[in-house]
Amino acid sequence: MGTVVVVLVIAAAIGFFVLKQMGGNDLPTPQAAPAAPKGPKRHWLVGRGGEIDGKSWHIGNRKVTVGRAASNFVQVNAGEVSRQQCQLLAEGDSMFVVDMTSSNGTLVNGKPVQKQQLNEGDVLKVGDAEMVYRAEGEFGDNAAWQPKQAGAEVNKTTRAMTADQARQLALSHQLYEHHGQDLAKAAAAMGVSEAEFQALLDQ
């Protein structure tokens, strides 16, 4: 038994020596594959002049509309802009603009179009608003989300005000009944003038 152990120890030592000579301790540690770099974003409109100057809209592969209504992805209120003026849609790597039978037409580089492929640097005009088409790049924040975020904040504030008004209204009626419909006492208990208290009751 002792002989077998000695043989195994010697074999292990020889194996370690061989690996050392072959550079076994210097084997490379597996590395995770680097993440593929993200390419530039495709299809932008960049505002030129007026209130939209410098604003940018990332269209990407979306199918979107342009017009004065808040429901449009690109909302503009410059001059005679229809509620839905035109549509932008990607077909493969190309971007097209399609006029939606607008009353004053959609222009690309000064010419009215029905359906037109946009090329780098083309100027899309709706009403008095001009936007330059950029095939790819980074042009700042997407202006399409700004009104939506602002609208969400307005709705949130409106809901909060409505809830607060409802609580005040309920409290005014409770105090009015509690004080035997004595307007002066109920108003004093609520910390408002009699006129303010009466206005609450009248709602």
Protein backbone atom coordinates (compact mmCIF):
# COMPACT_ATOMS: atom_id res chain seq x y z
CA MET A 1 0.00 0.00 0.00
CA GLY A 2 2.85 2.36 0.91
CA THR A 3 4.52 1.70 -2.46
CA VAL A 4 1.34 2.67 -4.35
CA VAL A 5 1.12 5.97 -2.45
CA VAL A 6 4.75 6.80 -3.21
CA VAL A 7 4.21 6.05 -6.91
CA LEU A 8 1.14 8.31 -7.04
CA VAL A 9 3.00 11.18 -5.34
CA ILE A 10 5.89 10.87 -7.76
CA ALA A 11 3.49 10.77 -10.75
CA ALA A 12 1.74 13.91 -9.52
CA ALA A 13 5.07 15.71 -9.07
CA ILE A 14 6.18 14.77 -12.57
CA GLY A 15 2.85 15.93 -14.01
CA PHE A 16 3.15 19.30 -12.20
CA PHE A 17 6.72 19.70 -13.49
CA VAL A 18 5.65 18.98 -17.08
CA LEU A 19 2.78 21.49 -16.89
CA LYS A 20 5.14 24.09 -15.45
CA GLN A 21 7.56 23.60 -18.32
CA MET A 22 4.74 23.89 -20.85
CA GLY A 23 3.51 27.12 -19.28
CA GLY A 24 0.45 25.48 -17.79
CA ASN A 25 0.19 28.13 -15.09
CA ASP A 26 0.00 30.83 -17.73
CA LEU A 27 -3.13 29.56 -19.46
CA PRO A 28 -5.34 32.54 -20.38
CA THR A 29 -8.46 33.14 -18.29
CA PRO A 30 -11.61 32.95 -20.42
CA GLN A 31 -12.95 36.45 -21.06
CA ALA A 32 -16.53 37.45 -21.80
CA ALA A 33 -17.07 38.53 -25.38
CA PRO A 34 -17.20 42.35 -25.63
CA ALA A 35 -20.66 43.78 -26.19
CA ALA A 36 -21.35 44.68 -29.77
CA PRO A 37 -21.11 48.46 -30.15
CA LYS A 38 -24.44 50.20 -30.71
CA GLY A 39 -24.72 51.94 -34.01
CA PRO A 40 -26.03 55.47 -34.48
CA LYS A 41 -29.78 55.92 -34.39
CA ARG A 42 -31.55 55.95 -37.73
CA HIS A 43 -34.00 58.48 -39.18
CA TRP A 44 -34.33 61.89 -37.52
CA LEU A 45 -36.08 65.18 -38.15
CA VAL A 46 -34.34 68.29 -36.84
CA GLY A 47 -36.29 71.54 -36.61
CA ARG A 48 -35.00 74.59 -38.44
CA GLY A 49 -36.15 78.09 -37.52
CA GLY A 50 -39.00 79.41 -35.40
CA GLU A 51 -40.23 77.71 -32.25
CA ILE A 52 -38.98 74.27 -33.37
CA ASP A 53 -35.43 75.39 -34.14
CA GLY A 54 -32.99 72.77 -32.85
CA LYS A 55 -35.69 70.37 -31.69
CA SER A 56 -35.17 66.80 -32.85
CA TRP A 57 -37.45 63.83 -33.35
CA HIS A 58 -36.05 60.30 -33.57
CA ILE A 59 -38.31 58.41 -35.98
CA GLY A 60 -36.41 55.12 -36.14
CA ASN A 61 -38.57 52.30 -37.51
CA ARG A 62 -41.78 53.88 -36.24
CA LYS A 63 -44.73 54.76 -38.44
CA VAL A 64 -45.64 58.25 -37.24
CA THR A 65 -47.68 61.30 -38.17
CA VAL A 66 -46.84 65.01 -38.33
CA GLY A 67 -49.42 67.73 -37.64
CA ARG A 68 -50.79 70.25 -35.17
CA ALA A 69 -52.86 67.82 -33.07
CA ALA A 70 -51.28 66.69 -29.78
CA SER A 71 -51.76 63.07 -30.81
CA ASN A 72 -49.09 63.39 -33.52
CA PHE A 73 -45.59 62.06 -32.84
CA VAL A 74 -44.23 65.26 -34.40
CA GLN A 75 -46.48 68.12 -33.26
CA VAL A 76 -46.03 71.51 -34.92
CA ASN A 77 -48.23 74.61 -34.80
CA ALA A 78 -46.56 76.77 -37.40
CA GLY A 79 -48.86 78.42 -39.93
CA GLU A 80 -51.41 76.40 -41.88
CA VAL A 81 -50.64 72.95 -40.51
CA SER A 82 -53.37 70.31 -40.73
CA ARG A 83 -54.37 68.24 -37.72
CA GLN A 84 -52.60 65.34 -39.44
CA GLN A 85 -50.45 66.73 -42.21
CA CYS A 86 -48.33 63.80 -43.29
CA GLN A 87 -47.00 60.41 -42.31
CA LEU A 88 -43.43 59.14 -42.00
CA LEU A 89 -42.68 55.46 -42.44
CA ALA A 90 -39.56 53.35 -42.79
CA GLU A 91 -39.30 50.80 -45.58
CA GLY A 92 -36.11 48.85 -45.08
CA ASP A 93 -33.31 51.38 -44.65
CA SER A 94 -35.28 54.11 -46.41
CA MET A 95 -37.61 56.73 -44.94
CA PHE A 96 -40.65 57.98 -46.82
CA VAL A 97 -43.02 60.89 -46.27
CA VAL A 98 -46.65 60.52 -47.36
CA ASP A 99 -49.00 63.51 -47.56
CA MET A 100 -52.34 62.77 -45.85
CA THR A 101 -54.41 64.84 -48.31
CA SER A 102 -53.61 67.94 -46.25
CA SER A 103 -55.25 71.21 -47.24
CA ASN A 104 -51.99 73.06 -47.95
CA GLY A 105 -49.76 70.18 -49.02
CA THR A 106 -46.47 68.73 -47.80
CA LEU A 107 -43.24 70.00 -49.33
CA VAL A 108 -39.84 68.36 -49.72
CA ASN A 109 -37.11 70.76 -50.81
CA GLY A 110 -39.80 73.27 -51.78
CA LYS A 111 -41.81 70.89 -54.00
CA PRO A 112 -45.22 69.39 -53.10
CA VAL A 113 -45.20 65.60 -52.77
CA GLN A 114 -47.67 62.75 -52.34
CA LYS A 115 -45.11 60.09 -51.41
CA GLN A 116 -41.42 60.84 -51.43
CA GLN A 117 -38.28 59.11 -50.21
CA LEU A 118 -36.24 61.33 -47.92
CA ASN A 119 -32.50 61.61 -48.44
CA GLU A 120 -29.88 63.03 -46.08
CA GLY A 121 -30.32 66.80 -45.77
CA ASP A 122 -33.76 66.98 -47.40
CA VAL A 123 -35.98 69.73 -45.98
CA LEU A 124 -39.52 68.71 -45.06
CA LYS A 125 -41.92 71.64 -44.78
CA VAL A 126 -45.41 71.58 -43.25
CA GLY A 127 -47.13 74.94 -42.95
CA ASP A 128 -44.34 77.34 -41.94
CA ALA A 129 -42.36 74.65 -40.11
CA GLU A 130 -39.18 73.30 -41.66
CA MET A 131 -37.42 70.12 -40.55
CA VAL A 132 -34.20 68.67 -41.93
CA TYR A 133 -34.04 64.89 -42.46
CA ARG A 134 -30.98 63.18 -41.01
CA ALA A 135 -30.41 59.55 -41.97
CA GLU A 136 -28.49 58.69 -38.80
CA GLY A 137 -26.69 60.18 -35.83
CA GLU A 138 -27.41 61.61 -32.39
CA PHE A 139 -29.33 64.88 -32.29
CA GLY A 140 -30.31 65.31 -28.65
CA ASP A 141 -33.45 64.40 -26.75
CA ASN A 142 -36.50 63.17 -28.60
CA ALA A 143 -38.83 66.18 -28.65
CA ALA A 144 -41.82 63.87 -29.21
CA TRP A 145 -41.74 62.79 -25.56
CA GLN A 146 -41.56 66.29 -24.06
CA PRO A 147 -45.23 67.28 -24.53
CA LYS A 148 -46.34 63.82 -23.44
CA GLN A 149 -44.33 64.12 -20.21
CA ALA A 150 -45.63 67.66 -19.66
CA GLY A 151 -49.17 66.47 -20.28
CA ALA A 152 -48.75 63.66 -17.78
CA GLU A 153 -47.60 66.17 -15.14
CA VAL A 154 -50.61 68.41 -15.86
CA ASN A 155 -52.98 65.46 -15.56
CA LYS A 156 -51.32 64.41 -12.33
CA THR A 157 -51.64 67.94 -10.88
CA THR A 158 -55.27 68.19 -12.03
CA ARG A 159 -56.14 64.89 -10.36
CA ALA A 160 -54.45 66.03 -7.13
CA MET A 161 -56.31 69.35 -7.14
CA THR A 162 -59.61 67.61 -7.81
CA ALA A 163 -59.07 65.21 -4.91
CA ASP A 164 -58.11 68.11 -2.60
CA GLN A 165 -61.17 70.09 -3.62
CA ALA A 166 -63.39 67.06 -3.01
CA ARG A 167 -61.98 66.69 0.52
CA GLN A 168 -62.56 70.40 1.23
CA LEU A 169 -66.10 70.18 -0.08
CA ALA A 170 -66.92 67.14 2.08
CA LEU A 171 -65.37 68.79 5.15
CA SER A 172 -67.35 72.01 4.62
CA HIS A 173 -70.65 70.12 4.59
CA GLN A 174 -69.67 68.12 7.69
CA LEU A 175 -68.76 71.27 9.61
CA TYR A 176 -71.89 73.05 8.42
CA GLU A 177 -74.11 70.27 9.77
CA HIS A 178 -72.01 69.86 12.93
CA HIS A 179 -72.47 73.54 13.82
CA GLY A 180 -76.22 73.46 13.21
CA GLN A 181 -75.91 75.15 9.80
CA ASP A 182 -74.33 78.20 11.43
CA LEU A 183 -72.26 79.61 8.57
CA ALA A 184 -70.03 81.84 10.75
CA LYS A 185 -69.12 79.06 13.22
CA ALA A 186 -68.51 76.49 10.44
CA ALA A 187 -66.31 78.93 8.51
CA ALA A 188 -64.31 79.75 11.66
CA ALA A 189 -63.84 76.05 12.40
CA MET A 190 -62.49 75.51 8.89
CA GLY A 191 -60.30 78.63 9.05
CA VAL A 192 -61.79 80.40 6.04
CA SER A 193 -63.97 83.47 5.54
CA GLU A 194 -67.72 83.15 5.40
CA ALA A 195 -67.67 84.04 1.70
CA GLU A 196 -65.12 81.28 0.98
CA PHE A 197 -67.12 78.81 3.02
CA GLN A 198 -70.32 79.73 1.19
CA ALA A 199 -68.54 79.24 -2.13
CA LEU A 200 -67.61 75.71 -1.05
CA LEU A 201 -71.20 74.95 -0.12
CA ASP A 202 -72.40 76.26 -3.47
CA GLN A 203 -70.23 73.84 -5.47
